[in-house]
Amino acid sequence: MAADLPPEVACRGLAKTYDAGAPVEAVRPLDLTFAAGRTTALLGPSGCGKSTVLRMIAGLEEPTAGEVRIGGETPLELRRRAGLAMAFQEAALLPWRSVAG
């Protein structure tokens, strides 16, 4: 039933640049849509900006440009109203468990 699906996540022109003496472009402007009820993966090499994109979607990182909307609301609006949060992977990693070994 469509009413039971979580809201769509839409990123428009989302970008992040850090100022480390000289500008460092962490995430180039991108448009993404994560459809309601679908599983989506962000894939790429280490350091390509996947975690930065997820942090911007969760509202933990302020984008330099663009916007994130979750069901039409910003992450900040959702955090205040619905308790939006992010579960960090590092807290659950077990060093003796790996795909390499």
N, C-alpha and C. Protein backbone atom coordinates (compact mmCIF):
# COMPACT_ATOMS: atom_id res chain seq x y z
N MET A 1 0.84 -1.17 0.00
CA MET A 1 0.00 0.00 0.00
C MET A 1 0.89 1.24 0.00
N ALA A 2 0.68 2.14 -0.89
CA ALA A 2 1.54 3.32 -1.06
C ALA A 2 1.58 4.20 0.18
N ALA A 3 0.52 4.28 0.93
CA ALA A 3 0.48 5.15 2.11
C ALA A 3 1.41 4.64 3.21
N ASP A 4 1.73 3.33 3.20
CA ASP A 4 2.60 2.74 4.21
C ASP A 4 4.08 2.90 3.89
N LEU A 5 4.41 3.35 2.69
CA LEU A 5 5.80 3.47 2.28
C LEU A 5 6.45 4.69 2.93
N PRO A 6 7.76 4.60 3.22
CA PRO A 6 8.46 5.77 3.75
C PRO A 6 8.57 6.83 2.67
N PRO A 7 8.80 8.08 3.06
CA PRO A 7 8.87 9.15 2.06
C PRO A 7 10.11 9.03 1.17
N GLU A 8 9.99 9.58 -0.02
CA GLU A 8 11.10 9.65 -0.96
C GLU A 8 12.17 10.61 -0.46
N VAL A 9 13.43 10.28 -0.75
CA VAL A 9 14.55 11.17 -0.44
C VAL A 9 15.03 11.76 -1.76
N ALA A 10 15.10 13.08 -1.84
CA ALA A 10 15.53 13.75 -3.07
C ALA A 10 16.66 14.72 -2.76
N CYS A 11 17.74 14.61 -3.51
CA CYS A 11 18.88 15.53 -3.40
C CYS A 11 19.00 16.26 -4.73
N ARG A 12 19.04 17.57 -4.68
CA ARG A 12 19.12 18.39 -5.89
C ARG A 12 20.32 19.32 -5.79
N GLY A 13 21.27 19.15 -6.71
CA GLY A 13 22.45 20.01 -6.74
C GLY A 13 23.30 19.90 -5.49
N LEU A 14 23.22 18.77 -4.80
CA LEU A 14 23.91 18.57 -3.53
C LEU A 14 25.42 18.57 -3.73
N ALA A 15 26.12 19.42 -2.99
CA ALA A 15 27.58 19.53 -3.12
C ALA A 15 28.19 19.89 -1.78
N LYS A 16 29.46 19.51 -1.61
CA LYS A 16 30.19 19.86 -0.39
C LYS A 16 31.63 20.21 -0.74
N THR A 17 32.05 21.39 -0.30
CA THR A 17 33.43 21.84 -0.46
C THR A 17 33.95 22.22 0.91
N TYR A 18 35.14 21.74 1.24
CA TYR A 18 35.79 22.10 2.50
C TYR A 18 36.87 23.13 2.21
N ASP A 19 37.10 24.01 3.16
CA ASP A 19 38.16 25.00 3.02
C ASP A 19 39.34 24.55 3.87
N ALA A 20 40.32 23.96 3.24
CA ALA A 20 41.53 23.49 3.93
C ALA A 20 42.71 24.33 3.46
N GLY A 21 42.58 25.64 3.56
CA GLY A 21 43.57 26.54 2.99
C GLY A 21 43.21 26.85 1.55
N ALA A 22 43.03 25.80 0.78
CA ALA A 22 42.52 25.89 -0.59
C ALA A 22 41.25 25.05 -0.62
N PRO A 23 40.27 25.41 -1.44
CA PRO A 23 39.02 24.64 -1.48
C PRO A 23 39.25 23.18 -1.90
N VAL A 24 38.62 22.26 -1.18
CA VAL A 24 38.67 20.84 -1.50
C VAL A 24 37.24 20.38 -1.80
N GLU A 25 37.01 19.96 -3.03
CA GLU A 25 35.68 19.54 -3.46
C GLU A 25 35.46 18.08 -3.05
N ALA A 26 34.70 17.88 -1.96
CA ALA A 26 34.44 16.53 -1.46
C ALA A 26 33.33 15.85 -2.23
N VAL A 27 32.29 16.60 -2.58
CA VAL A 27 31.16 16.07 -3.36
C VAL A 27 30.81 17.09 -4.42
N ARG A 28 30.93 16.69 -5.67
CA ARG A 28 30.53 17.56 -6.78
C ARG A 28 29.01 17.61 -6.84
N PRO A 29 28.44 18.68 -7.41
CA PRO A 29 26.98 18.77 -7.46
C PRO A 29 26.35 17.52 -8.08
N LEU A 30 25.37 16.98 -7.37
CA LEU A 30 24.71 15.77 -7.86
C LEU A 30 23.22 15.81 -7.54
N ASP A 31 22.48 15.09 -8.35
CA ASP A 31 21.05 14.92 -8.15
C ASP A 31 20.80 13.43 -7.91
N LEU A 32 20.13 13.11 -6.82
CA LEU A 32 19.80 11.72 -6.48
C LEU A 32 18.36 11.66 -6.01
N THR A 33 17.71 10.56 -6.30
CA THR A 33 16.39 10.29 -5.74
C THR A 33 16.38 8.86 -5.25
N PHE A 34 16.04 8.68 -3.99
CA PHE A 34 15.88 7.36 -3.41
C PHE A 34 14.39 7.11 -3.30
N ALA A 35 13.88 6.18 -4.09
CA ALA A 35 12.44 5.94 -4.16
C ALA A 35 11.94 5.26 -2.88
N ALA A 36 10.74 5.61 -2.50
CA ALA A 36 10.10 5.01 -1.34
C ALA A 36 9.93 3.51 -1.55
N GLY A 37 10.23 2.72 -0.53
CA GLY A 37 10.04 1.29 -0.59
C GLY A 37 11.10 0.52 -1.34
N ARG A 38 12.16 1.18 -1.79
CA ARG A 38 13.24 0.54 -2.55
C ARG A 38 14.52 0.54 -1.73
N THR A 39 15.38 -0.44 -1.96
CA THR A 39 16.70 -0.47 -1.35
C THR A 39 17.68 0.10 -2.35
N THR A 40 18.50 1.03 -1.91
CA THR A 40 19.46 1.70 -2.79
C THR A 40 20.83 1.64 -2.14
N ALA A 41 21.87 1.46 -2.95
CA ALA A 41 23.24 1.43 -2.45
C ALA A 41 24.05 2.55 -3.08
N LEU A 42 24.90 3.19 -2.29
CA LEU A 42 25.88 4.14 -2.80
C LEU A 42 27.20 3.39 -2.88
N LEU A 43 27.73 3.26 -4.07
CA LEU A 43 28.97 2.50 -4.27
C LEU A 43 30.06 3.41 -4.81
N GLY A 44 31.28 3.16 -4.40
CA GLY A 44 32.41 3.91 -4.91
C GLY A 44 33.64 3.65 -4.07
N PRO A 45 34.79 4.06 -4.57
CA PRO A 45 36.04 3.82 -3.84
C PRO A 45 36.12 4.66 -2.56
N SER A 46 37.02 4.27 -1.70
CA SER A 46 37.26 5.00 -0.46
C SER A 46 37.60 6.45 -0.76
N GLY A 47 36.96 7.36 -0.03
CA GLY A 47 37.25 8.78 -0.19
C GLY A 47 36.49 9.49 -1.29
N CYS A 48 35.51 8.82 -1.91
CA CYS A 48 34.80 9.45 -3.03
C CYS A 48 33.61 10.31 -2.59
N GLY A 49 33.26 10.30 -1.29
CA GLY A 49 32.19 11.17 -0.81
C GLY A 49 30.91 10.47 -0.38
N LYS A 50 30.89 9.14 -0.36
CA LYS A 50 29.67 8.41 0.02
C LYS A 50 29.20 8.78 1.43
N SER A 51 30.10 8.74 2.38
CA SER A 51 29.73 9.07 3.77
C SER A 51 29.33 10.52 3.91
N THR A 52 29.98 11.40 3.17
CA THR A 52 29.62 12.82 3.21
C THR A 52 28.21 13.02 2.69
N VAL A 53 27.85 12.33 1.61
CA VAL A 53 26.49 12.42 1.07
C VAL A 53 25.49 11.93 2.11
N LEU A 54 25.76 10.79 2.75
CA LEU A 54 24.85 10.26 3.76
C LEU A 54 24.74 11.19 4.96
N ARG A 55 25.85 11.80 5.35
CA ARG A 55 25.82 12.75 6.47
C ARG A 55 24.99 13.99 6.10
N MET A 56 25.07 14.43 4.85
CA MET A 56 24.24 15.57 4.43
C MET A 56 22.76 15.19 4.40
N ILE A 57 22.45 13.97 3.94
CA ILE A 57 21.07 13.51 3.92
C ILE A 57 20.51 13.44 5.34
N ALA A 58 21.33 12.98 6.28
CA ALA A 58 20.89 12.87 7.68
C ALA A 58 20.87 14.21 8.40
N GLY A 59 21.41 15.25 7.76
CA GLY A 59 21.43 16.56 8.38
C GLY A 59 22.58 16.76 9.34
N LEU A 60 23.57 15.87 9.31
CA LEU A 60 24.74 15.99 10.18
C LEU A 60 25.83 16.84 9.57
N GLU A 61 25.73 17.08 8.29
CA GLU A 61 26.71 17.88 7.54
C GLU A 61 25.93 18.87 6.70
N GLU A 62 26.32 20.13 6.74
CA GLU A 62 25.64 21.17 5.97
C GLU A 62 26.18 21.18 4.54
N PRO A 63 25.32 21.03 3.52
CA PRO A 63 25.80 21.10 2.14
C PRO A 63 26.31 22.51 1.81
N THR A 64 27.31 22.58 0.95
CA THR A 64 27.80 23.86 0.46
C THR A 64 26.80 24.42 -0.56
N ALA A 65 26.18 23.53 -1.31
CA ALA A 65 25.19 23.92 -2.32
C ALA A 65 24.13 22.83 -2.40
N GLY A 66 22.99 23.19 -2.93
CA GLY A 66 21.92 22.23 -3.14
C GLY A 66 21.07 22.00 -1.91
N GLU A 67 20.19 21.00 -2.01
CA GLU A 67 19.29 20.72 -0.90
C GLU A 67 18.93 19.26 -0.84
N VAL A 68 18.50 18.84 0.35
CA VAL A 68 17.99 17.50 0.59
C VAL A 68 16.55 17.65 1.07
N ARG A 69 15.67 16.82 0.53
CA ARG A 69 14.28 16.78 0.97
C ARG A 69 13.90 15.33 1.23
N ILE A 70 13.28 15.10 2.36
CA ILE A 70 12.79 13.77 2.71
C ILE A 70 11.29 13.91 2.89
N GLY A 71 10.55 13.38 1.94
CA GLY A 71 9.11 13.57 1.97
C GLY A 71 8.72 15.03 1.92
N GLY A 72 9.54 15.85 1.25
CA GLY A 72 9.25 17.27 1.11
C GLY A 72 9.81 18.14 2.23
N GLU A 73 10.38 17.53 3.27
CA GLU A 73 10.93 18.30 4.39
C GLU A 73 12.45 18.23 4.39
N THR A 74 13.09 19.22 4.98
CA THR A 74 14.54 19.19 5.13
C THR A 74 14.90 18.25 6.28
N PRO A 75 16.15 17.74 6.31
CA PRO A 75 16.57 16.90 7.44
C PRO A 75 16.42 17.61 8.78
N LEU A 76 16.71 18.90 8.83
CA LEU A 76 16.58 19.65 10.08
C LEU A 76 15.12 19.67 10.56
N GLU A 77 14.19 19.89 9.63
CA GLU A 77 12.77 19.86 9.99
C GLU A 77 12.36 18.49 10.53
N LEU A 78 12.86 17.43 9.88
CA LEU A 78 12.53 16.08 10.32
C LEU A 78 13.16 15.74 11.66
N ARG A 79 14.41 16.17 11.87
CA ARG A 79 15.07 15.90 13.15
C ARG A 79 14.27 16.53 14.29
N ARG A 80 13.82 17.73 14.07
CA ARG A 80 13.05 18.43 15.11
C ARG A 80 11.69 17.78 15.35
N ARG A 81 11.04 17.37 14.26
CA ARG A 81 9.67 16.87 14.38
C ARG A 81 9.61 15.37 14.67
N ALA A 82 10.45 14.59 13.97
CA ALA A 82 10.29 13.13 14.02
C ALA A 82 11.48 12.39 14.60
N GLY A 83 12.50 13.09 15.05
CA GLY A 83 13.65 12.42 15.64
C GLY A 83 14.53 11.70 14.63
N LEU A 84 14.71 12.26 13.43
CA LEU A 84 15.59 11.67 12.42
C LEU A 84 16.99 11.54 13.00
N ALA A 85 17.63 10.38 12.80
CA ALA A 85 18.97 10.15 13.31
C ALA A 85 19.73 9.23 12.36
N MET A 86 21.01 9.05 12.63
CA MET A 86 21.86 8.19 11.81
C MET A 86 22.57 7.21 12.72
N ALA A 87 22.56 5.91 12.37
CA ALA A 87 23.29 4.89 13.11
C ALA A 87 24.64 4.70 12.44
N PHE A 88 25.71 4.90 13.20
CA PHE A 88 27.05 4.85 12.63
C PHE A 88 27.58 3.43 12.56
N GLN A 89 28.21 3.09 11.45
CA GLN A 89 28.74 1.76 11.21
C GLN A 89 29.88 1.42 12.17
N GLU A 90 30.72 2.37 12.51
CA GLU A 90 31.90 2.11 13.33
C GLU A 90 31.56 1.47 14.66
N ALA A 91 30.43 1.81 15.24
CA ALA A 91 30.06 1.28 16.54
C ALA A 91 29.78 -0.22 16.48
N ALA A 92 29.48 -0.77 15.31
CA ALA A 92 29.11 -2.17 15.20
C ALA A 92 30.15 -3.02 14.47
N LEU A 93 31.26 -2.45 14.05
CA LEU A 93 32.27 -3.22 13.33
C LEU A 93 33.02 -4.14 14.28
N LEU A 94 33.21 -5.37 13.86
CA LEU A 94 33.97 -6.35 14.64
C LEU A 94 35.25 -6.65 13.87
N PRO A 95 36.42 -6.31 14.41
CA PRO A 95 37.67 -6.43 13.64
C PRO A 95 37.99 -7.85 13.19
N TRP A 96 37.48 -8.86 13.89
CA TRP A 96 37.77 -10.24 13.52
C TRP A 96 36.82 -10.76 12.44
N ARG A 97 35.87 -9.94 12.03
CA ARG A 97 34.94 -10.31 10.96
C ARG A 97 35.24 -9.46 9.74
N SER A 98 35.63 -10.07 8.65
CA SER A 98 35.90 -9.30 7.44
C SER A 98 35.57 -10.14 6.22
N VAL A 99 35.36 -9.47 5.11
CA VAL A 99 35.12 -10.18 3.86
C VAL A 99 36.44 -10.63 3.25
N ALA A 100 37.55 -10.06 3.71
CA ALA A 100 38.86 -10.40 3.16
C ALA A 100 39.39 -11.71 3.73
N GLY A 101 39.00 -12.06 4.95
CA GLY A 101 39.59 -13.21 5.64
C GLY A 101 38.71 -14.38 5.61
